[in-house]
């Protein structure tokens, strides 16, 4: 009986420890790729104004070469994830990266499934 009490207290303590695997953690993200993409989007929005300013200096042909080289160094100092090309459009439900219907932020598979069951407003299956 004493060992059963110790086991119960161990389980209660281990549930409180993050990442122990005993309790499933639910988030609003489908998988780790979506979490990574959200972090990238946040980084892009934080550095967007500065990047635009430095990039315009970098690509300006009228400015002297030395100034453009300084702007190149400044762009290189930004985090890699602050670039817009590293952001990927993903399905909001499944995190599928390809075949995304951009207006609804859903993959074509999920979009078709929801359209079949009348769950999307303004969408009607073709019938003839």
C-alpha atoms as a PDB file:
ATOM      1  CA  UNK A   1       0.000   0.000   0.000  1.00  0.00           C
ATOM      2  CA  UNK A   2       2.852   2.350   0.858  1.00  0.00           C
ATOM      3  CA  UNK A   3       4.463   1.781  -2.543  1.00  0.00           C
ATOM      4  CA  UNK A   4       1.122   2.541  -4.218  1.00  0.00           C
ATOM      5  CA  UNK A   5       0.957   5.925  -2.450  1.00  0.00           C
ATOM      6  CA  UNK A   6       4.525   6.713  -3.521  1.00  0.00           C
ATOM      7  CA  UNK A   7       3.705   5.762  -7.112  1.00  0.00           C
ATOM      8  CA  UNK A   8       0.629   8.018  -7.071  1.00  0.00           C
ATOM      9  CA  UNK A   9       2.595  10.973  -5.749  1.00  0.00           C
ATOM     10  CA  UNK A  10       5.291  10.339  -8.383  1.00  0.00           C
ATOM     11  CA  UNK A  11       2.687  10.387 -11.157  1.00  0.00           C
ATOM     12  CA  UNK A  12       1.184  13.618  -9.830  1.00  0.00           C
ATOM     13  CA  UNK A  13       4.601  15.266  -9.705  1.00  0.00           C
ATOM     14  CA  UNK A  14       5.623  14.032 -13.143  1.00  0.00           C
ATOM     15  CA  UNK A  15       2.440  15.422 -14.733  1.00  0.00           C
ATOM     16  CA  UNK A  16       3.487  18.862 -13.568  1.00  0.00           C
ATOM     17  CA  UNK A  17       6.904  18.525 -15.206  1.00  0.00           C
ATOM     18  CA  UNK A  18       6.775  19.837 -18.772  1.00  0.00           C
ATOM     19  CA  UNK A  19       7.610  17.394 -21.517  1.00  0.00           C
ATOM     20  CA  UNK A  20       7.348  14.230 -19.425  1.00  0.00           C
ATOM     21  CA  UNK A  21       4.987  12.604 -21.929  1.00  0.00           C
ATOM     22  CA  UNK A  22       2.325  11.528 -19.450  1.00  0.00           C
ATOM     23  CA  UNK A  23      -0.122  14.244 -20.357  1.00  0.00           C
ATOM     24  CA  UNK A  24      -0.931  15.275 -23.905  1.00  0.00           C
ATOM     25  CA  UNK A  25      -0.671  18.992 -24.498  1.00  0.00           C
ATOM     26  CA  UNK A  26      -3.268  20.457 -26.854  1.00  0.00           C
ATOM     27  CA  UNK A  27      -2.460  23.583 -28.804  1.00  0.00           C
ATOM     28  CA  UNK A  28      -4.139  25.362 -31.658  1.00  0.00           C
ATOM     29  CA  UNK A  29      -1.365  24.264 -34.021  1.00  0.00           C
ATOM     30  CA  UNK A  30      -1.514  20.999 -35.950  1.00  0.00           C
ATOM     31  CA  UNK A  31       2.179  20.086 -35.700  1.00  0.00           C
ATOM     32  CA  UNK A  32       5.672  21.437 -35.107  1.00  0.00           C
ATOM     33  CA  UNK A  33       5.965  22.714 -38.682  1.00  0.00           C
ATOM     34  CA  UNK A  34       3.042  25.050 -38.120  1.00  0.00           C
ATOM     35  CA  UNK A  35       4.590  26.310 -34.878  1.00  0.00           C
ATOM     36  CA  UNK A  36       7.837  27.004 -36.735  1.00  0.00           C
ATOM     37  CA  UNK A  37       5.926  28.849 -39.460  1.00  0.00           C
ATOM     38  CA  UNK A  38       4.102  30.988 -36.885  1.00  0.00           C
ATOM     39  CA  UNK A  39       7.431  31.927 -35.288  1.00  0.00           C
ATOM     40  CA  UNK A  40       8.741  32.906 -38.707  1.00  0.00           C
ATOM     41  CA  UNK A  41       5.675  35.053 -39.379  1.00  0.00           C
ATOM     42  CA  UNK A  42       6.154  36.816 -36.058  1.00  0.00           C
ATOM     43  CA  UNK A  43       9.832  37.452 -36.855  1.00  0.00           C
ATOM     44  CA  UNK A  44       8.930  38.816 -40.305  1.00  0.00           C
ATOM     45  CA  UNK A  45       6.393  41.231 -38.844  1.00  0.00           C
ATOM     46  CA  UNK A  46       8.852  42.446 -36.195  1.00  0.00           C
ATOM     47  CA  UNK A  47      11.638  43.219 -38.683  1.00  0.00           C
ATOM     48  CA  UNK A  48       9.575  44.239 -41.733  1.00  0.00           C
ATOM     49  CA  UNK A  49      10.036  48.020 -41.539  1.00  0.00           C
ATOM     50  CA  UNK A  50      13.768  47.870 -40.837  1.00  0.00           C
ATOM     51  CA  UNK A  51      14.337  45.288 -43.577  1.00  0.00           C
ATOM     52  CA  UNK A  52      12.436  47.386 -46.106  1.00  0.00           C
ATOM     53  CA  UNK A  53      14.495  50.461 -45.243  1.00  0.00           C
ATOM     54  CA  UNK A  54      17.831  48.640 -45.492  1.00  0.00           C
ATOM     55  CA  UNK A  55      16.836  46.750 -48.646  1.00  0.00           C
ATOM     56  CA  UNK A  56      15.865  49.964 -50.397  1.00  0.00           C
ATOM     57  CA  UNK A  57      19.315  51.362 -49.566  1.00  0.00           C
ATOM     58  CA  UNK A  58      20.927  48.165 -50.771  1.00  0.00           C
ATOM     59  CA  UNK A  59      19.197  48.157 -54.138  1.00  0.00           C
ATOM     60  CA  UNK A  60      19.504  51.883 -54.873  1.00  0.00           C
ATOM     61  CA  UNK A  61      21.877  52.365 -57.839  1.00  0.00           C
ATOM     62  CA  UNK A  62      22.337  56.091 -57.211  1.00  0.00           C
ATOM     63  CA  UNK A  63      24.025  55.627 -53.822  1.00  0.00           C
ATOM     64  CA  UNK A  64      27.797  55.006 -53.596  1.00  0.00           C
ATOM     65  CA  UNK A  65      29.046  51.414 -53.446  1.00  0.00           C
ATOM     66  CA  UNK A  66      30.436  51.808 -49.905  1.00  0.00           C
ATOM     67  CA  UNK A  67      27.010  52.726 -48.561  1.00  0.00           C
ATOM     68  CA  UNK A  68      25.403  49.794 -50.361  1.00  0.00           C
ATOM     69  CA  UNK A  69      28.015  47.441 -48.893  1.00  0.00           C
ATOM     70  CA  UNK A  70      27.168  48.715 -45.414  1.00  0.00           C
ATOM     71  CA  UNK A  71      23.496  48.007 -46.150  1.00  0.00           C
ATOM     72  CA  UNK A  72      24.486  44.482 -47.309  1.00  0.00           C
ATOM     73  CA  UNK A  73      26.199  43.906 -43.977  1.00  0.00           C
ATOM     74  CA  UNK A  74      23.127  45.176 -42.115  1.00  0.00           C
ATOM     75  CA  UNK A  75      20.842  42.816 -44.053  1.00  0.00           C
ATOM     76  CA  UNK A  76      23.163  39.929 -43.244  1.00  0.00           C
ATOM     77  CA  UNK A  77      22.912  40.823 -39.539  1.00  0.00           C
ATOM     78  CA  UNK A  78      19.125  40.319 -39.513  1.00  0.00           C
ATOM     79  CA  UNK A  79      17.820  36.890 -38.473  1.00  0.00           C
ATOM     80  CA  UNK A  80      17.274  34.546 -41.392  1.00  0.00           C
ATOM     81  CA  UNK A  81      13.644  34.005 -40.453  1.00  0.00           C
ATOM     82  CA  UNK A  82      12.939  37.719 -40.852  1.00  0.00           C
ATOM     83  CA  UNK A  83      12.853  37.246 -44.621  1.00  0.00           C
ATOM     84  CA  UNK A  84       9.400  36.909 -46.189  1.00  0.00           C
ATOM     85  CA  UNK A  85      10.447  34.075 -48.520  1.00  0.00           C
ATOM     86  CA  UNK A  86      10.905  31.735 -45.552  1.00  0.00           C
ATOM     87  CA  UNK A  87       7.190  31.937 -44.686  1.00  0.00           C
ATOM     88  CA  UNK A  88       5.087  29.154 -46.162  1.00  0.00           C
ATOM     89  CA  UNK A  89       1.324  29.185 -46.692  1.00  0.00           C
ATOM     90  CA  UNK A  90      -0.117  26.214 -44.785  1.00  0.00           C
ATOM     91  CA  UNK A  91      -3.539  24.746 -44.167  1.00  0.00           C
ATOM     92  CA  UNK A  92      -4.944  26.098 -40.906  1.00  0.00           C
ATOM     93  CA  UNK A  93      -6.364  22.703 -39.902  1.00  0.00           C
ATOM     94  CA  UNK A  94      -3.868  20.112 -41.100  1.00  0.00           C
ATOM     95  CA  UNK A  95      -0.695  22.176 -41.681  1.00  0.00           C
ATOM     96  CA  UNK A  96      -0.421  20.785 -45.214  1.00  0.00           C
ATOM     97  CA  UNK A  97       1.976  23.025 -47.193  1.00  0.00           C
ATOM     98  CA  UNK A  98       0.826  22.288 -50.738  1.00  0.00           C
ATOM     99  CA  UNK A  99      -2.485  22.708 -52.496  1.00  0.00           C
ATOM    100  CA  UNK A 100      -3.731  25.498 -50.240  1.00  0.00           C
ATOM    101  CA  UNK A 101      -6.815  27.488 -51.252  1.00  0.00           C
ATOM    102  CA  UNK A 102      -5.572  30.900 -50.138  1.00  0.00           C
ATOM    103  CA  UNK A 103      -8.955  32.565 -49.651  1.00  0.00           C
ATOM    104  CA  UNK A 104      -9.950  29.989 -47.028  1.00  0.00           C
ATOM    105  CA  UNK A 105      -6.451  29.028 -45.738  1.00  0.00           C
ATOM    106  CA  UNK A 106      -7.398  25.359 -46.198  1.00  0.00           C
ATOM    107  CA  UNK A 107      -5.798  22.591 -48.193  1.00  0.00           C
ATOM    108  CA  UNK A 108      -7.708  21.383 -51.234  1.00  0.00           C
ATOM    109  CA  UNK A 109      -8.562  18.131 -49.453  1.00  0.00           C
ATOM    110  CA  UNK A 110     -10.046  19.784 -46.366  1.00  0.00           C
ATOM    111  CA  UNK A 111     -11.708  22.464 -48.493  1.00  0.00           C
ATOM    112  CA  UNK A 112     -13.450  19.844 -50.638  1.00  0.00           C
ATOM    113  CA  UNK A 113     -14.531  17.853 -47.597  1.00  0.00           C
ATOM    114  CA  UNK A 114     -16.060  20.927 -45.955  1.00  0.00           C
ATOM    115  CA  UNK A 115     -17.682  22.001 -49.226  1.00  0.00           C
ATOM    116  CA  UNK A 116     -19.284  18.563 -49.599  1.00  0.00           C
ATOM    117  CA  UNK A 117     -21.013  18.912 -46.237  1.00  0.00           C
ATOM    118  CA  UNK A 118     -22.080  22.552 -46.724  1.00  0.00           C
ATOM    119  CA  UNK A 119     -19.705  23.894 -44.069  1.00  0.00           C
ATOM    120  CA  UNK A 120     -18.268  26.727 -46.227  1.00  0.00           C
ATOM    121  CA  UNK A 121     -20.370  29.798 -46.857  1.00  0.00           C
ATOM    122  CA  UNK A 122     -20.739  30.788 -50.493  1.00  0.00           C
ATOM    123  CA  UNK A 123     -19.471  27.460 -51.833  1.00  0.00           C
ATOM    124  CA  UNK A 124     -21.685  25.063 -53.722  1.00  0.00           C
ATOM    125  CA  UNK A 125     -20.655  21.858 -55.471  1.00  0.00           C
ATOM    126  CA  UNK A 126     -21.195  21.815 -59.198  1.00  0.00           C
ATOM    127  CA  UNK A 127     -24.143  19.647 -60.247  1.00  0.00           C
ATOM    128  CA  UNK A 128     -25.320  18.926 -63.765  1.00  0.00           C
END
